């Protein structure tokens, strides 16, 4: 649900490229 958007945004801003890519 709505929690997924918040988690995805947090992960998309990660300093590790593979994590940020998965978040995006």
PDBML (XML) file of the C-alpha atoms, coordinates in Angstrom:
<?xml version="1.0" encoding="UTF-8" ?>
<PDBx:datablock datablockName="MODEL"
   xmlns:PDBx="http://pdbml.pdb.org/schema/pdbx-v50.xsd"
   xmlns:xsi="http://www.w3.org/2001/XMLSchema-instance"
   xsi:schemaLocation="http://pdbml.pdb.org/schema/pdbx-v50.xsd pdbx-v50.xsd">
   <PDBx:atom_siteCategory>
      <PDBx:atom_site id="1">
         <PDBx:B_iso_or_equiv>0.00</PDBx:B_iso_or_equiv>
         <PDBx:Cartn_x>0.000</PDBx:Cartn_x>
         <PDBx:Cartn_y>0.000</PDBx:Cartn_y>
         <PDBx:Cartn_z>0.000</PDBx:Cartn_z>
         <PDBx:auth_asym_id>A</PDBx:auth_asym_id>
         <PDBx:auth_atom_id>CA</PDBx:auth_atom_id>
         <PDBx:auth_comp_id>UNK</PDBx:auth_comp_id>
         <PDBx:auth_seq_id>1</PDBx:auth_seq_id>
         <PDBx:group_PDB>ATOM</PDBx:group_PDB>
         <PDBx:label_alt_id xsi:nil="true" />
         <PDBx:label_asym_id>A</PDBx:label_asym_id>
         <PDBx:label_atom_id>CA</PDBx:label_atom_id>
         <PDBx:label_comp_id>UNK</PDBx:label_comp_id>
         <PDBx:label_entity_id>1</PDBx:label_entity_id>
         <PDBx:label_seq_id>1</PDBx:label_seq_id>
         <PDBx:occupancy>1.00</PDBx:occupancy>
         <PDBx:pdbx_PDB_model_num>1</PDBx:pdbx_PDB_model_num>
         <PDBx:type_symbol>C</PDBx:type_symbol>
      </PDBx:atom_site>
      <PDBx:atom_site id="2">
         <PDBx:B_iso_or_equiv>0.00</PDBx:B_iso_or_equiv>
         <PDBx:Cartn_x>1.078</PDBx:Cartn_x>
         <PDBx:Cartn_y>3.585</PDBx:Cartn_y>
         <PDBx:Cartn_z>0.794</PDBx:Cartn_z>
         <PDBx:auth_asym_id>A</PDBx:auth_asym_id>
         <PDBx:auth_atom_id>CA</PDBx:auth_atom_id>
         <PDBx:auth_comp_id>UNK</PDBx:auth_comp_id>
         <PDBx:auth_seq_id>2</PDBx:auth_seq_id>
         <PDBx:group_PDB>ATOM</PDBx:group_PDB>
         <PDBx:label_alt_id xsi:nil="true" />
         <PDBx:label_asym_id>A</PDBx:label_asym_id>
         <PDBx:label_atom_id>CA</PDBx:label_atom_id>
         <PDBx:label_comp_id>UNK</PDBx:label_comp_id>
         <PDBx:label_entity_id>1</PDBx:label_entity_id>
         <PDBx:label_seq_id>2</PDBx:label_seq_id>
         <PDBx:occupancy>1.00</PDBx:occupancy>
         <PDBx:pdbx_PDB_model_num>1</PDBx:pdbx_PDB_model_num>
         <PDBx:type_symbol>C</PDBx:type_symbol>
      </PDBx:atom_site>
      <PDBx:atom_site id="3">
         <PDBx:B_iso_or_equiv>0.00</PDBx:B_iso_or_equiv>
         <PDBx:Cartn_x>4.107</PDBx:Cartn_x>
         <PDBx:Cartn_y>2.479</PDBx:Cartn_y>
         <PDBx:Cartn_z>2.804</PDBx:Cartn_z>
         <PDBx:auth_asym_id>A</PDBx:auth_asym_id>
         <PDBx:auth_atom_id>CA</PDBx:auth_atom_id>
         <PDBx:auth_comp_id>UNK</PDBx:auth_comp_id>
         <PDBx:auth_seq_id>3</PDBx:auth_seq_id>
         <PDBx:group_PDB>ATOM</PDBx:group_PDB>
         <PDBx:label_alt_id xsi:nil="true" />
         <PDBx:label_asym_id>A</PDBx:label_asym_id>
         <PDBx:label_atom_id>CA</PDBx:label_atom_id>
         <PDBx:label_comp_id>UNK</PDBx:label_comp_id>
         <PDBx:label_entity_id>1</PDBx:label_entity_id>
         <PDBx:label_seq_id>3</PDBx:label_seq_id>
         <PDBx:occupancy>1.00</PDBx:occupancy>
         <PDBx:pdbx_PDB_model_num>1</PDBx:pdbx_PDB_model_num>
         <PDBx:type_symbol>C</PDBx:type_symbol>
      </PDBx:atom_site>
      <PDBx:atom_site id="4">
         <PDBx:B_iso_or_equiv>0.00</PDBx:B_iso_or_equiv>
         <PDBx:Cartn_x>5.727</PDBx:Cartn_x>
         <PDBx:Cartn_y>1.284</PDBx:Cartn_y>
         <PDBx:Cartn_z>-0.418</PDBx:Cartn_z>
         <PDBx:auth_asym_id>A</PDBx:auth_asym_id>
         <PDBx:auth_atom_id>CA</PDBx:auth_atom_id>
         <PDBx:auth_comp_id>UNK</PDBx:auth_comp_id>
         <PDBx:auth_seq_id>4</PDBx:auth_seq_id>
         <PDBx:group_PDB>ATOM</PDBx:group_PDB>
         <PDBx:label_alt_id xsi:nil="true" />
         <PDBx:label_asym_id>A</PDBx:label_asym_id>
         <PDBx:label_atom_id>CA</PDBx:label_atom_id>
         <PDBx:label_comp_id>UNK</PDBx:label_comp_id>
         <PDBx:label_entity_id>1</PDBx:label_entity_id>
         <PDBx:label_seq_id>4</PDBx:label_seq_id>
         <PDBx:occupancy>1.00</PDBx:occupancy>
         <PDBx:pdbx_PDB_model_num>1</PDBx:pdbx_PDB_model_num>
         <PDBx:type_symbol>C</PDBx:type_symbol>
      </PDBx:atom_site>
      <PDBx:atom_site id="5">
         <PDBx:B_iso_or_equiv>0.00</PDBx:B_iso_or_equiv>
         <PDBx:Cartn_x>5.999</PDBx:Cartn_x>
         <PDBx:Cartn_y>4.817</PDBx:Cartn_y>
         <PDBx:Cartn_z>-1.831</PDBx:Cartn_z>
         <PDBx:auth_asym_id>A</PDBx:auth_asym_id>
         <PDBx:auth_atom_id>CA</PDBx:auth_atom_id>
         <PDBx:auth_comp_id>UNK</PDBx:auth_comp_id>
         <PDBx:auth_seq_id>5</PDBx:auth_seq_id>
         <PDBx:group_PDB>ATOM</PDBx:group_PDB>
         <PDBx:label_alt_id xsi:nil="true" />
         <PDBx:label_asym_id>A</PDBx:label_asym_id>
         <PDBx:label_atom_id>CA</PDBx:label_atom_id>
         <PDBx:label_comp_id>UNK</PDBx:label_comp_id>
         <PDBx:label_entity_id>1</PDBx:label_entity_id>
         <PDBx:label_seq_id>5</PDBx:label_seq_id>
         <PDBx:occupancy>1.00</PDBx:occupancy>
         <PDBx:pdbx_PDB_model_num>1</PDBx:pdbx_PDB_model_num>
         <PDBx:type_symbol>C</PDBx:type_symbol>
      </PDBx:atom_site>
      <PDBx:atom_site id="6">
         <PDBx:B_iso_or_equiv>0.00</PDBx:B_iso_or_equiv>
         <PDBx:Cartn_x>7.807</PDBx:Cartn_x>
         <PDBx:Cartn_y>6.110</PDBx:Cartn_y>
         <PDBx:Cartn_z>1.243</PDBx:Cartn_z>
         <PDBx:auth_asym_id>A</PDBx:auth_asym_id>
         <PDBx:auth_atom_id>CA</PDBx:auth_atom_id>
         <PDBx:auth_comp_id>UNK</PDBx:auth_comp_id>
         <PDBx:auth_seq_id>6</PDBx:auth_seq_id>
         <PDBx:group_PDB>ATOM</PDBx:group_PDB>
         <PDBx:label_alt_id xsi:nil="true" />
         <PDBx:label_asym_id>A</PDBx:label_asym_id>
         <PDBx:label_atom_id>CA</PDBx:label_atom_id>
         <PDBx:label_comp_id>UNK</PDBx:label_comp_id>
         <PDBx:label_entity_id>1</PDBx:label_entity_id>
         <PDBx:label_seq_id>6</PDBx:label_seq_id>
         <PDBx:occupancy>1.00</PDBx:occupancy>
         <PDBx:pdbx_PDB_model_num>1</PDBx:pdbx_PDB_model_num>
         <PDBx:type_symbol>C</PDBx:type_symbol>
      </PDBx:atom_site>
      <PDBx:atom_site id="7">
         <PDBx:B_iso_or_equiv>0.00</PDBx:B_iso_or_equiv>
         <PDBx:Cartn_x>10.215</PDBx:Cartn_x>
         <PDBx:Cartn_y>3.163</PDBx:Cartn_y>
         <PDBx:Cartn_z>1.297</PDBx:Cartn_z>
         <PDBx:auth_asym_id>A</PDBx:auth_asym_id>
         <PDBx:auth_atom_id>CA</PDBx:auth_atom_id>
         <PDBx:auth_comp_id>UNK</PDBx:auth_comp_id>
         <PDBx:auth_seq_id>7</PDBx:auth_seq_id>
         <PDBx:group_PDB>ATOM</PDBx:group_PDB>
         <PDBx:label_alt_id xsi:nil="true" />
         <PDBx:label_asym_id>A</PDBx:label_asym_id>
         <PDBx:label_atom_id>CA</PDBx:label_atom_id>
         <PDBx:label_comp_id>UNK</PDBx:label_comp_id>
         <PDBx:label_entity_id>1</PDBx:label_entity_id>
         <PDBx:label_seq_id>7</PDBx:label_seq_id>
         <PDBx:occupancy>1.00</PDBx:occupancy>
         <PDBx:pdbx_PDB_model_num>1</PDBx:pdbx_PDB_model_num>
         <PDBx:type_symbol>C</PDBx:type_symbol>
      </PDBx:atom_site>
      <PDBx:atom_site id="8">
         <PDBx:B_iso_or_equiv>0.00</PDBx:B_iso_or_equiv>
         <PDBx:Cartn_x>10.870</PDBx:Cartn_x>
         <PDBx:Cartn_y>3.408</PDBx:Cartn_y>
         <PDBx:Cartn_z>-2.449</PDBx:Cartn_z>
         <PDBx:auth_asym_id>A</PDBx:auth_asym_id>
         <PDBx:auth_atom_id>CA</PDBx:auth_atom_id>
         <PDBx:auth_comp_id>UNK</PDBx:auth_comp_id>
         <PDBx:auth_seq_id>8</PDBx:auth_seq_id>
         <PDBx:group_PDB>ATOM</PDBx:group_PDB>
         <PDBx:label_alt_id xsi:nil="true" />
         <PDBx:label_asym_id>A</PDBx:label_asym_id>
         <PDBx:label_atom_id>CA</PDBx:label_atom_id>
         <PDBx:label_comp_id>UNK</PDBx:label_comp_id>
         <PDBx:label_entity_id>1</PDBx:label_entity_id>
         <PDBx:label_seq_id>8</PDBx:label_seq_id>
         <PDBx:occupancy>1.00</PDBx:occupancy>
         <PDBx:pdbx_PDB_model_num>1</PDBx:pdbx_PDB_model_num>
         <PDBx:type_symbol>C</PDBx:type_symbol>
      </PDBx:atom_site>
      <PDBx:atom_site id="9">
         <PDBx:B_iso_or_equiv>0.00</PDBx:B_iso_or_equiv>
         <PDBx:Cartn_x>11.650</PDBx:Cartn_x>
         <PDBx:Cartn_y>7.132</PDBx:Cartn_y>
         <PDBx:Cartn_z>-2.159</PDBx:Cartn_z>
         <PDBx:auth_asym_id>A</PDBx:auth_asym_id>
         <PDBx:auth_atom_id>CA</PDBx:auth_atom_id>
         <PDBx:auth_comp_id>UNK</PDBx:auth_comp_id>
         <PDBx:auth_seq_id>9</PDBx:auth_seq_id>
         <PDBx:group_PDB>ATOM</PDBx:group_PDB>
         <PDBx:label_alt_id xsi:nil="true" />
         <PDBx:label_asym_id>A</PDBx:label_asym_id>
         <PDBx:label_atom_id>CA</PDBx:label_atom_id>
         <PDBx:label_comp_id>UNK</PDBx:label_comp_id>
         <PDBx:label_entity_id>1</PDBx:label_entity_id>
         <PDBx:label_seq_id>9</PDBx:label_seq_id>
         <PDBx:occupancy>1.00</PDBx:occupancy>
         <PDBx:pdbx_PDB_model_num>1</PDBx:pdbx_PDB_model_num>
         <PDBx:type_symbol>C</PDBx:type_symbol>
      </PDBx:atom_site>
      <PDBx:atom_site id="10">
         <PDBx:B_iso_or_equiv>0.00</PDBx:B_iso_or_equiv>
         <PDBx:Cartn_x>14.020</PDBx:Cartn_x>
         <PDBx:Cartn_y>6.490</PDBx:Cartn_y>
         <PDBx:Cartn_z>0.747</PDBx:Cartn_z>
         <PDBx:auth_asym_id>A</PDBx:auth_asym_id>
         <PDBx:auth_atom_id>CA</PDBx:auth_atom_id>
         <PDBx:auth_comp_id>UNK</PDBx:auth_comp_id>
         <PDBx:auth_seq_id>10</PDBx:auth_seq_id>
         <PDBx:group_PDB>ATOM</PDBx:group_PDB>
         <PDBx:label_alt_id xsi:nil="true" />
         <PDBx:label_asym_id>A</PDBx:label_asym_id>
         <PDBx:label_atom_id>CA</PDBx:label_atom_id>
         <PDBx:label_comp_id>UNK</PDBx:label_comp_id>
         <PDBx:label_entity_id>1</PDBx:label_entity_id>
         <PDBx:label_seq_id>10</PDBx:label_seq_id>
         <PDBx:occupancy>1.00</PDBx:occupancy>
         <PDBx:pdbx_PDB_model_num>1</PDBx:pdbx_PDB_model_num>
         <PDBx:type_symbol>C</PDBx:type_symbol>
      </PDBx:atom_site>
      <PDBx:atom_site id="11">
         <PDBx:B_iso_or_equiv>0.00</PDBx:B_iso_or_equiv>
         <PDBx:Cartn_x>15.810</PDBx:Cartn_x>
         <PDBx:Cartn_y>3.736</PDBx:Cartn_y>
         <PDBx:Cartn_z>-1.151</PDBx:Cartn_z>
         <PDBx:auth_asym_id>A</PDBx:auth_asym_id>
         <PDBx:auth_atom_id>CA</PDBx:auth_atom_id>
         <PDBx:auth_comp_id>UNK</PDBx:auth_comp_id>
         <PDBx:auth_seq_id>11</PDBx:auth_seq_id>
         <PDBx:group_PDB>ATOM</PDBx:group_PDB>
         <PDBx:label_alt_id xsi:nil="true" />
         <PDBx:label_asym_id>A</PDBx:label_asym_id>
         <PDBx:label_atom_id>CA</PDBx:label_atom_id>
         <PDBx:label_comp_id>UNK</PDBx:label_comp_id>
         <PDBx:label_entity_id>1</PDBx:label_entity_id>
         <PDBx:label_seq_id>11</PDBx:label_seq_id>
         <PDBx:occupancy>1.00</PDBx:occupancy>
         <PDBx:pdbx_PDB_model_num>1</PDBx:pdbx_PDB_model_num>
         <PDBx:type_symbol>C</PDBx:type_symbol>
      </PDBx:atom_site>
      <PDBx:atom_site id="12">
         <PDBx:B_iso_or_equiv>0.00</PDBx:B_iso_or_equiv>
         <PDBx:Cartn_x>15.985</PDBx:Cartn_x>
         <PDBx:Cartn_y>5.748</PDBx:Cartn_y>
         <PDBx:Cartn_z>-4.400</PDBx:Cartn_z>
         <PDBx:auth_asym_id>A</PDBx:auth_asym_id>
         <PDBx:auth_atom_id>CA</PDBx:auth_atom_id>
         <PDBx:auth_comp_id>UNK</PDBx:auth_comp_id>
         <PDBx:auth_seq_id>12</PDBx:auth_seq_id>
         <PDBx:group_PDB>ATOM</PDBx:group_PDB>
         <PDBx:label_alt_id xsi:nil="true" />
         <PDBx:label_asym_id>A</PDBx:label_asym_id>
         <PDBx:label_atom_id>CA</PDBx:label_atom_id>
         <PDBx:label_comp_id>UNK</PDBx:label_comp_id>
         <PDBx:label_entity_id>1</PDBx:label_entity_id>
         <PDBx:label_seq_id>12</PDBx:label_seq_id>
         <PDBx:occupancy>1.00</PDBx:occupancy>
         <PDBx:pdbx_PDB_model_num>1</PDBx:pdbx_PDB_model_num>
         <PDBx:type_symbol>C</PDBx:type_symbol>
      </PDBx:atom_site>
      <PDBx:atom_site id="13">
         <PDBx:B_iso_or_equiv>0.00</PDBx:B_iso_or_equiv>
         <PDBx:Cartn_x>18.028</PDBx:Cartn_x>
         <PDBx:Cartn_y>8.414</PDBx:Cartn_y>
         <PDBx:Cartn_z>-2.576</PDBx:Cartn_z>
         <PDBx:auth_asym_id>A</PDBx:auth_asym_id>
         <PDBx:auth_atom_id>CA</PDBx:auth_atom_id>
         <PDBx:auth_comp_id>UNK</PDBx:auth_comp_id>
         <PDBx:auth_seq_id>13</PDBx:auth_seq_id>
         <PDBx:group_PDB>ATOM</PDBx:group_PDB>
         <PDBx:label_alt_id xsi:nil="true" />
         <PDBx:label_asym_id>A</PDBx:label_asym_id>
         <PDBx:label_atom_id>CA</PDBx:label_atom_id>
         <PDBx:label_comp_id>UNK</PDBx:label_comp_id>
         <PDBx:label_entity_id>1</PDBx:label_entity_id>
         <PDBx:label_seq_id>13</PDBx:label_seq_id>
         <PDBx:occupancy>1.00</PDBx:occupancy>
         <PDBx:pdbx_PDB_model_num>1</PDBx:pdbx_PDB_model_num>
         <PDBx:type_symbol>C</PDBx:type_symbol>
      </PDBx:atom_site>
      <PDBx:atom_site id="14">
         <PDBx:B_iso_or_equiv>0.00</PDBx:B_iso_or_equiv>
         <PDBx:Cartn_x>20.524</PDBx:Cartn_x>
         <PDBx:Cartn_y>5.893</PDBx:Cartn_y>
         <PDBx:Cartn_z>-1.212</PDBx:Cartn_z>
         <PDBx:auth_asym_id>A</PDBx:auth_asym_id>
         <PDBx:auth_atom_id>CA</PDBx:auth_atom_id>
         <PDBx:auth_comp_id>UNK</PDBx:auth_comp_id>
         <PDBx:auth_seq_id>14</PDBx:auth_seq_id>
         <PDBx:group_PDB>ATOM</PDBx:group_PDB>
         <PDBx:label_alt_id xsi:nil="true" />
         <PDBx:label_asym_id>A</PDBx:label_asym_id>
         <PDBx:label_atom_id>CA</PDBx:label_atom_id>
         <PDBx:label_comp_id>UNK</PDBx:label_comp_id>
         <PDBx:label_entity_id>1</PDBx:label_entity_id>
         <PDBx:label_seq_id>14</PDBx:label_seq_id>
         <PDBx:occupancy>1.00</PDBx:occupancy>
         <PDBx:pdbx_PDB_model_num>1</PDBx:pdbx_PDB_model_num>
         <PDBx:type_symbol>C</PDBx:type_symbol>
      </PDBx:atom_site>
      <PDBx:atom_site id="15">
         <PDBx:B_iso_or_equiv>0.00</PDBx:B_iso_or_equiv>
         <PDBx:Cartn_x>24.230</PDBx:Cartn_x>
         <PDBx:Cartn_y>6.604</PDBx:Cartn_y>
         <PDBx:Cartn_z>-1.724</PDBx:Cartn_z>
         <PDBx:auth_asym_id>A</PDBx:auth_asym_id>
         <PDBx:auth_atom_id>CA</PDBx:auth_atom_id>
         <PDBx:auth_comp_id>UNK</PDBx:auth_comp_id>
         <PDBx:auth_seq_id>15</PDBx:auth_seq_id>
         <PDBx:group_PDB>ATOM</PDBx:group_PDB>
         <PDBx:label_alt_id xsi:nil="true" />
         <PDBx:label_asym_id>A</PDBx:label_asym_id>
         <PDBx:label_atom_id>CA</PDBx:label_atom_id>
         <PDBx:label_comp_id>UNK</PDBx:label_comp_id>
         <PDBx:label_entity_id>1</PDBx:label_entity_id>
         <PDBx:label_seq_id>15</PDBx:label_seq_id>
         <PDBx:occupancy>1.00</PDBx:occupancy>
         <PDBx:pdbx_PDB_model_num>1</PDBx:pdbx_PDB_model_num>
         <PDBx:type_symbol>C</PDBx:type_symbol>
      </PDBx:atom_site>
      <PDBx:atom_site id="16">
         <PDBx:B_iso_or_equiv>0.00</PDBx:B_iso_or_equiv>
         <PDBx:Cartn_x>24.864</PDBx:Cartn_x>
         <PDBx:Cartn_y>3.027</PDBx:Cartn_y>
         <PDBx:Cartn_z>-2.909</PDBx:Cartn_z>
         <PDBx:auth_asym_id>A</PDBx:auth_asym_id>
         <PDBx:auth_atom_id>CA</PDBx:auth_atom_id>
         <PDBx:auth_comp_id>UNK</PDBx:auth_comp_id>
         <PDBx:auth_seq_id>16</PDBx:auth_seq_id>
         <PDBx:group_PDB>ATOM</PDBx:group_PDB>
         <PDBx:label_alt_id xsi:nil="true" />
         <PDBx:label_asym_id>A</PDBx:label_asym_id>
         <PDBx:label_atom_id>CA</PDBx:label_atom_id>
         <PDBx:label_comp_id>UNK</PDBx:label_comp_id>
         <PDBx:label_entity_id>1</PDBx:label_entity_id>
         <PDBx:label_seq_id>16</PDBx:label_seq_id>
         <PDBx:occupancy>1.00</PDBx:occupancy>
         <PDBx:pdbx_PDB_model_num>1</PDBx:pdbx_PDB_model_num>
         <PDBx:type_symbol>C</PDBx:type_symbol>
      </PDBx:atom_site>
      <PDBx:atom_site id="17">
         <PDBx:B_iso_or_equiv>0.00</PDBx:B_iso_or_equiv>
         <PDBx:Cartn_x>24.115</PDBx:Cartn_x>
         <PDBx:Cartn_y>2.860</PDBx:Cartn_y>
         <PDBx:Cartn_z>-6.633</PDBx:Cartn_z>
         <PDBx:auth_asym_id>A</PDBx:auth_asym_id>
         <PDBx:auth_atom_id>CA</PDBx:auth_atom_id>
         <PDBx:auth_comp_id>UNK</PDBx:auth_comp_id>
         <PDBx:auth_seq_id>17</PDBx:auth_seq_id>
         <PDBx:group_PDB>ATOM</PDBx:group_PDB>
         <PDBx:label_alt_id xsi:nil="true" />
         <PDBx:label_asym_id>A</PDBx:label_asym_id>
         <PDBx:label_atom_id>CA</PDBx:label_atom_id>
         <PDBx:label_comp_id>UNK</PDBx:label_comp_id>
         <PDBx:label_entity_id>1</PDBx:label_entity_id>
         <PDBx:label_seq_id>17</PDBx:label_seq_id>
         <PDBx:occupancy>1.00</PDBx:occupancy>
         <PDBx:pdbx_PDB_model_num>1</PDBx:pdbx_PDB_model_num>
         <PDBx:type_symbol>C</PDBx:type_symbol>
      </PDBx:atom_site>
      <PDBx:atom_site id="18">
         <PDBx:B_iso_or_equiv>0.00</PDBx:B_iso_or_equiv>
         <PDBx:Cartn_x>22.559</PDBx:Cartn_x>
         <PDBx:Cartn_y>-0.649</PDBx:Cartn_y>
         <PDBx:Cartn_z>-6.677</PDBx:Cartn_z>
         <PDBx:auth_asym_id>A</PDBx:auth_asym_id>
         <PDBx:auth_atom_id>CA</PDBx:auth_atom_id>
         <PDBx:auth_comp_id>UNK</PDBx:auth_comp_id>
         <PDBx:auth_seq_id>18</PDBx:auth_seq_id>
         <PDBx:group_PDB>ATOM</PDBx:group_PDB>
         <PDBx:label_alt_id xsi:nil="true" />
         <PDBx:label_asym_id>A</PDBx:label_asym_id>
         <PDBx:label_atom_id>CA</PDBx:label_atom_id>
         <PDBx:label_comp_id>UNK</PDBx:label_comp_id>
         <PDBx:label_entity_id>1</PDBx:label_entity_id>
         <PDBx:label_seq_id>18</PDBx:label_seq_id>
         <PDBx:occupancy>1.00</PDBx:occupancy>
         <PDBx:pdbx_PDB_model_num>1</PDBx:pdbx_PDB_model_num>
         <PDBx:type_symbol>C</PDBx:type_symbol>
      </PDBx:atom_site>
      <PDBx:atom_site id="19">
         <PDBx:B_iso_or_equiv>0.00</PDBx:B_iso_or_equiv>
         <PDBx:Cartn_x>20.194</PDBx:Cartn_x>
         <PDBx:Cartn_y>0.282</PDBx:Cartn_y>
         <PDBx:Cartn_z>-3.848</PDBx:Cartn_z>
         <PDBx:auth_asym_id>A</PDBx:auth_asym_id>
         <PDBx:auth_atom_id>CA</PDBx:auth_atom_id>
         <PDBx:auth_comp_id>UNK</PDBx:auth_comp_id>
         <PDBx:auth_seq_id>19</PDBx:auth_seq_id>
         <PDBx:group_PDB>ATOM</PDBx:group_PDB>
         <PDBx:label_alt_id xsi:nil="true" />
         <PDBx:label_asym_id>A</PDBx:label_asym_id>
         <PDBx:label_atom_id>CA</PDBx:label_atom_id>
         <PDBx:label_comp_id>UNK</PDBx:label_comp_id>
         <PDBx:label_entity_id>1</PDBx:label_entity_id>
         <PDBx:label_seq_id>19</PDBx:label_seq_id>
         <PDBx:occupancy>1.00</PDBx:occupancy>
         <PDBx:pdbx_PDB_model_num>1</PDBx:pdbx_PDB_model_num>
         <PDBx:type_symbol>C</PDBx:type_symbol>
      </PDBx:atom_site>
      <PDBx:atom_site id="20">
         <PDBx:B_iso_or_equiv>0.00</PDBx:B_iso_or_equiv>
         <PDBx:Cartn_x>19.240</PDBx:Cartn_x>
         <PDBx:Cartn_y>3.592</PDBx:Cartn_y>
         <PDBx:Cartn_z>-5.466</PDBx:Cartn_z>
         <PDBx:auth_asym_id>A</PDBx:auth_asym_id>
         <PDBx:auth_atom_id>CA</PDBx:auth_atom_id>
         <PDBx:auth_comp_id>UNK</PDBx:auth_comp_id>
         <PDBx:auth_seq_id>20</PDBx:auth_seq_id>
         <PDBx:group_PDB>ATOM</PDBx:group_PDB>
         <PDBx:label_alt_id xsi:nil="true" />
         <PDBx:label_asym_id>A</PDBx:label_asym_id>
         <PDBx:label_atom_id>CA</PDBx:label_atom_id>
         <PDBx:label_comp_id>UNK</PDBx:label_comp_id>
         <PDBx:label_entity_id>1</PDBx:label_entity_id>
         <PDBx:label_seq_id>20</PDBx:label_seq_id>
         <PDBx:occupancy>1.00</PDBx:occupancy>
         <PDBx:pdbx_PDB_model_num>1</PDBx:pdbx_PDB_model_num>
         <PDBx:type_symbol>C</PDBx:type_symbol>
      </PDBx:atom_site>
      <PDBx:atom_site id="21">
         <PDBx:B_iso_or_equiv>0.00</PDBx:B_iso_or_equiv>
         <PDBx:Cartn_x>18.618</PDBx:Cartn_x>
         <PDBx:Cartn_y>1.827</PDBx:Cartn_y>
         <PDBx:Cartn_z>-8.781</PDBx:Cartn_z>
         <PDBx:auth_asym_id>A</PDBx:auth_asym_id>
         <PDBx:auth_atom_id>CA</PDBx:auth_atom_id>
         <PDBx:auth_comp_id>UNK</PDBx:auth_comp_id>
         <PDBx:auth_seq_id>21</PDBx:auth_seq_id>
         <PDBx:group_PDB>ATOM</PDBx:group_PDB>
         <PDBx:label_alt_id xsi:nil="true" />
         <PDBx:label_asym_id>A</PDBx:label_asym_id>
         <PDBx:label_atom_id>CA</PDBx:label_atom_id>
         <PDBx:label_comp_id>UNK</PDBx:label_comp_id>
         <PDBx:label_entity_id>1</PDBx:label_entity_id>
         <PDBx:label_seq_id>21</PDBx:label_seq_id>
         <PDBx:occupancy>1.00</PDBx:occupancy>
         <PDBx:pdbx_PDB_model_num>1</PDBx:pdbx_PDB_model_num>
         <PDBx:type_symbol>C</PDBx:type_symbol>
      </PDBx:atom_site>
      <PDBx:atom_site id="22">
         <PDBx:B_iso_or_equiv>0.00</PDBx:B_iso_or_equiv>
         <PDBx:Cartn_x>16.232</PDBx:Cartn_x>
         <PDBx:Cartn_y>-0.652</PDBx:Cartn_y>
         <PDBx:Cartn_z>-7.122</PDBx:Cartn_z>
         <PDBx:auth_asym_id>A</PDBx:auth_asym_id>
         <PDBx:auth_atom_id>CA</PDBx:auth_atom_id>
         <PDBx:auth_comp_id>UNK</PDBx:auth_comp_id>
         <PDBx:auth_seq_id>22</PDBx:auth_seq_id>
         <PDBx:group_PDB>ATOM</PDBx:group_PDB>
         <PDBx:label_alt_id xsi:nil="true" />
         <PDBx:label_asym_id>A</PDBx:label_asym_id>
         <PDBx:label_atom_id>CA</PDBx:label_atom_id>
         <PDBx:label_comp_id>UNK</PDBx:label_comp_id>
         <PDBx:label_entity_id>1</PDBx:label_entity_id>
         <PDBx:label_seq_id>22</PDBx:label_seq_id>
         <PDBx:occupancy>1.00</PDBx:occupancy>
         <PDBx:pdbx_PDB_model_num>1</PDBx:pdbx_PDB_model_num>
         <PDBx:type_symbol>C</PDBx:type_symbol>
      </PDBx:atom_site>
      <PDBx:atom_site id="23">
         <PDBx:B_iso_or_equiv>0.00</PDBx:B_iso_or_equiv>
         <PDBx:Cartn_x>14.453</PDBx:Cartn_x>
         <PDBx:Cartn_y>2.197</PDBx:Cartn_y>
         <PDBx:Cartn_z>-5.333</PDBx:Cartn_z>
         <PDBx:auth_asym_id>A</PDBx:auth_asym_id>
         <PDBx:auth_atom_id>CA</PDBx:auth_atom_id>
         <PDBx:auth_comp_id>UNK</PDBx:auth_comp_id>
         <PDBx:auth_seq_id>23</PDBx:auth_seq_id>
         <PDBx:group_PDB>ATOM</PDBx:group_PDB>
         <PDBx:label_alt_id xsi:nil="true" />
         <PDBx:label_asym_id>A</PDBx:label_asym_id>
         <PDBx:label_atom_id>CA</PDBx:label_atom_id>
         <PDBx:label_comp_id>UNK</PDBx:label_comp_id>
         <PDBx:label_entity_id>1</PDBx:label_entity_id>
         <PDBx:label_seq_id>23</PDBx:label_seq_id>
         <PDBx:occupancy>1.00</PDBx:occupancy>
         <PDBx:pdbx_PDB_model_num>1</PDBx:pdbx_PDB_model_num>
         <PDBx:type_symbol>C</PDBx:type_symbol>
      </PDBx:atom_site>
      <PDBx:atom_site id="24">
         <PDBx:B_iso_or_equiv>0.00</PDBx:B_iso_or_equiv>
         <PDBx:Cartn_x>14.021</PDBx:Cartn_x>
         <PDBx:Cartn_y>4.125</PDBx:Cartn_y>
         <PDBx:Cartn_z>-8.591</PDBx:Cartn_z>
         <PDBx:auth_asym_id>A</PDBx:auth_asym_id>
         <PDBx:auth_atom_id>CA</PDBx:auth_atom_id>
         <PDBx:auth_comp_id>UNK</PDBx:auth_comp_id>
         <PDBx:auth_seq_id>24</PDBx:auth_seq_id>
         <PDBx:group_PDB>ATOM</PDBx:group_PDB>
         <PDBx:label_alt_id xsi:nil="true" />
         <PDBx:label_asym_id>A</PDBx:label_asym_id>
         <PDBx:label_atom_id>CA</PDBx:label_atom_id>
         <PDBx:label_comp_id>UNK</PDBx:label_comp_id>
         <PDBx:label_entity_id>1</PDBx:label_entity_id>
         <PDBx:label_seq_id>24</PDBx:label_seq_id>
         <PDBx:occupancy>1.00</PDBx:occupancy>
         <PDBx:pdbx_PDB_model_num>1</PDBx:pdbx_PDB_model_num>
         <PDBx:type_symbol>C</PDBx:type_symbol>
      </PDBx:atom_site>
   </PDBx:atom_siteCategory>
</PDBx:datablock>
